[in-house]
Protein backbone atom coordinates (compact mmCIF):
# COMPACT_ATOMS: atom_id res chain seq x y z
CA MET A 1 98.22 80.05 95.69
CA GLU A 2 97.19 81.27 99.08
CA ASP A 3 99.16 83.41 101.52
CA GLY A 4 100.92 81.19 104.04
CA LYS A 5 100.71 78.10 101.82
CA LYS A 6 103.58 75.64 102.29
CA ILE A 7 105.15 73.92 99.30
CA THR A 8 107.34 70.93 100.16
CA PHE A 9 110.00 69.45 97.91
CA SER A 10 110.62 66.08 99.55
CA GLY A 11 114.20 64.85 99.55
CA GLU A 12 115.49 67.88 97.63
CA GLY A 13 117.61 69.35 100.45
CA ASP A 14 121.38 69.05 100.91
CA GLN A 15 122.88 65.69 100.05
CA GLU A 16 125.83 64.22 101.94
CA PRO A 17 127.26 60.73 101.76
CA GLY A 18 125.70 58.48 104.40
CA LEU A 19 122.90 60.92 105.27
CA GLN A 20 119.32 61.11 104.07
CA SER A 21 118.45 64.24 102.05
CA GLY A 22 116.20 66.68 103.84
CA ASP A 23 113.10 68.44 102.54
CA ILE A 24 112.90 71.98 101.20
CA VAL A 25 109.85 73.85 102.50
CA VAL A 26 108.79 77.13 100.87
CA VAL A 27 106.20 79.29 102.67
CA LEU A 28 104.43 81.94 100.56
CA ASP A 29 104.28 85.46 102.02
CA GLU A 30 101.89 87.65 100.03
CA LYS A 31 102.72 91.36 99.72
CA GLU A 32 100.13 94.12 99.49
CA HIS A 33 99.84 95.70 96.03
CA SER A 34 98.93 99.33 95.33
CA THR A 35 96.53 98.49 92.46
CA PHE A 36 95.30 94.93 92.85
CA LYS A 37 93.57 93.32 95.83
CA ARG A 38 93.27 89.55 96.12
CA ASP A 39 90.04 87.71 96.94
CA LYS A 40 90.89 83.98 97.07
CA THR A 41 91.82 83.21 93.44
CA ASP A 42 90.52 86.49 91.99
CA LEU A 43 92.27 89.84 91.54
CA HIS A 44 90.22 93.03 91.94
CA MET A 45 91.04 96.64 91.17
CA LYS A 46 89.14 99.90 91.49
CA MET A 47 88.83 102.15 88.46
CA GLN A 48 86.97 105.41 88.05
CA ILE A 49 84.96 105.61 84.86
CA THR A 50 82.64 108.25 83.45
CA LEU A 51 78.88 107.90 83.13
CA ILE A 52 79.22 107.75 79.34
CA GLU A 53 81.80 104.92 79.63
CA SER A 54 79.50 102.97 81.94
CA LEU A 55 76.51 103.38 79.61
CA CYS A 56 78.24 102.93 76.24
CA GLY A 57 81.14 100.66 77.13
CA PHE A 58 84.84 101.35 76.75
CA GLN A 59 88.23 99.71 76.36
CA LYS A 60 91.16 100.21 78.71
CA VAL A 61 94.61 98.61 78.74
CA ILE A 62 95.46 97.34 82.22
CA LYS A 63 99.04 96.34 83.02
CA THR A 64 99.51 92.98 84.69
CA LEU A 65 101.44 92.37 87.90
CA ASP A 66 104.64 91.97 85.87
CA ASN A 67 103.95 95.19 83.86
CA ARG A 68 102.76 93.54 80.65
CA PRO A 69 99.90 95.31 78.82
């Protein structure tokens, strides 16, 4: 989802007898992250690797935004 995107839940606001329920509107506010940068629907990160790693390949565990490996 994009920064500033509005999500509307029609008729899900407060309910009172004799009145029509209002809408709930949620506006997304994206925070900067120290590791990941967003490019539309992609996440990017910078990582320093050695010449040997770049030539021979390597494996690295990267934690997700919610700290899962």
